[in-house]
Amino acid sequence: DKPEDVWINVGNSAIVVPWAVMAGPVLCEEKVIYAEINSVNLRQAKQTFDVAGHYARPDVFQLTINRDANEMINLAGAAPATNGQVSKSPAKPRRK
């Protein structure tokens, strides 16, 4: 058996900064990985990958939740032209 066949999740654990892979990936083994990150580069990392920045701007993005029940079928667009004529088709009797 290959190790991938034994493991439910093969892992791929890694420590990654925006400009490099610092440690890993670790596959099919239990291992603690470490990496030393230079604090001088933290500002560059923050500017490169801003997890709370422009995505968290309420002036740009808005979440709307529609709590009303939606129709199964929605007709969009204008109705087909009828040239001013109204079609009056006879009602069909309903079967019981």
Protein backbone atom coordinates (compact mmCIF):
# COMPACT_ATOMS: atom_id res chain seq x y z
CA ASP A 1 0.00 0.00 0.00
CA LYS A 2 1.07 3.53 -0.75
CA PRO A 3 1.01 5.95 2.25
CA GLU A 4 -1.80 7.89 0.53
CA ASP A 5 -3.99 4.77 0.71
CA VAL A 6 -3.58 4.49 4.50
CA TRP A 7 -4.12 8.14 5.45
CA ILE A 8 -7.64 9.63 5.35
CA ASN A 9 -6.13 13.09 4.90
CA VAL A 10 -2.51 13.15 3.68
CA GLY A 11 -1.94 16.55 5.29
CA ASN A 12 -0.03 19.01 3.13
CA SER A 13 0.69 21.05 6.28
CA ALA A 14 2.90 24.03 5.56
CA ILE A 15 3.91 27.46 6.82
CA VAL A 16 3.58 29.97 4.01
CA VAL A 17 4.29 33.67 3.83
CA PRO A 18 3.21 35.69 0.75
CA TRP A 19 6.62 35.47 -0.86
CA ALA A 20 7.78 31.93 0.07
CA VAL A 21 7.06 28.53 1.58
CA MET A 22 8.88 28.62 4.93
CA ALA A 23 8.32 24.99 6.01
CA GLY A 24 6.67 21.92 4.58
CA PRO A 25 4.60 20.61 3.03
CA VAL A 26 4.45 17.56 5.27
CA LEU A 27 2.75 14.53 3.74
CA CYS A 28 1.59 11.31 5.38
CA GLU A 29 3.36 11.76 8.71
CA GLU A 30 2.79 13.30 12.12
CA LYS A 31 5.28 16.13 12.46
CA VAL A 32 5.52 19.56 14.09
CA ILE A 33 6.86 22.15 11.70
CA TYR A 34 8.57 25.41 12.68
CA ALA A 35 9.62 28.50 10.81
CA GLU A 36 11.34 31.71 11.81
CA ILE A 37 9.77 34.77 10.26
CA ASN A 38 11.71 38.02 10.05
CA SER A 39 9.68 40.73 11.80
CA VAL A 40 10.97 43.33 9.30
CA ASN A 41 8.93 41.59 6.61
CA LEU A 42 5.65 41.70 8.58
CA ARG A 43 4.61 45.07 7.11
CA GLN A 44 5.20 43.77 3.58
CA ALA A 45 3.17 40.65 4.39
CA LYS A 46 0.31 42.75 5.75
CA GLN A 47 0.23 44.88 2.61
CA THR A 48 0.42 41.83 0.36
CA PHE A 49 -2.27 39.79 2.10
CA ASP A 50 -4.73 42.04 3.90
CA VAL A 51 -7.31 39.68 5.40
CA ALA A 52 -9.40 42.43 7.00
CA GLY A 53 -8.81 45.27 4.56
CA HIS A 54 -10.91 46.01 1.52
CA TYR A 55 -13.12 42.94 2.03
CA ALA A 56 -14.34 44.42 5.33
CA ARG A 57 -15.41 47.78 3.86
CA PRO A 58 -19.13 48.41 4.45
CA ASP A 59 -19.01 51.33 2.01
CA VAL A 60 -18.16 48.88 -0.81
CA PHE A 61 -19.70 45.52 0.14
CA GLN A 62 -23.08 44.72 1.64
CA LEU A 63 -24.69 41.42 2.62
CA THR A 64 -28.45 41.23 2.04
CA ILE A 65 -30.53 38.34 3.33
CA ASN A 66 -33.99 37.88 1.81
CA ARG A 67 -36.13 36.12 4.43
CA ASP A 68 -39.22 36.01 2.18
CA ALA A 69 -40.20 32.80 0.43
CA ASN A 70 -39.16 32.85 -3.20
CA GLU A 71 -41.32 31.79 -6.13
CA MET A 72 -40.29 28.63 -7.97
CA ILE A 73 -40.64 30.36 -11.34
CA ASN A 74 -39.86 34.01 -12.02
CA LEU A 75 -40.67 35.55 -15.39
CA ALA A 76 -38.27 38.30 -16.37
CA GLY A 77 -38.42 40.75 -19.23
CA ALA A 78 -41.27 42.19 -21.24
CA ALA A 79 -44.25 40.13 -22.34
CA PRO A 80 -44.37 39.22 -26.03
CA ALA A 81 -46.05 41.76 -28.30
CA THR A 82 -49.70 41.03 -29.13
CA ASN A 83 -50.30 43.90 -31.58
CA GLY A 84 -53.06 45.21 -29.32
CA GLN A 85 -55.08 42.00 -29.50
CA VAL A 86 -56.18 40.21 -26.37
CA SER A 87 -56.38 36.47 -26.62
CA LYS A 88 -59.47 35.01 -24.97
CA SER A 89 -59.05 31.29 -25.04
CA PRO A 90 -61.97 29.34 -23.61
CA ALA A 91 -61.39 27.87 -20.19
CA LYS A 92 -60.86 24.13 -20.23
CA PRO A 93 -63.02 22.08 -17.89
CA ARG A 94 -61.11 20.53 -15.01
CA ARG A 95 -61.20 16.79 -14.56
CA LYS A 96 -62.23 15.45 -11.21
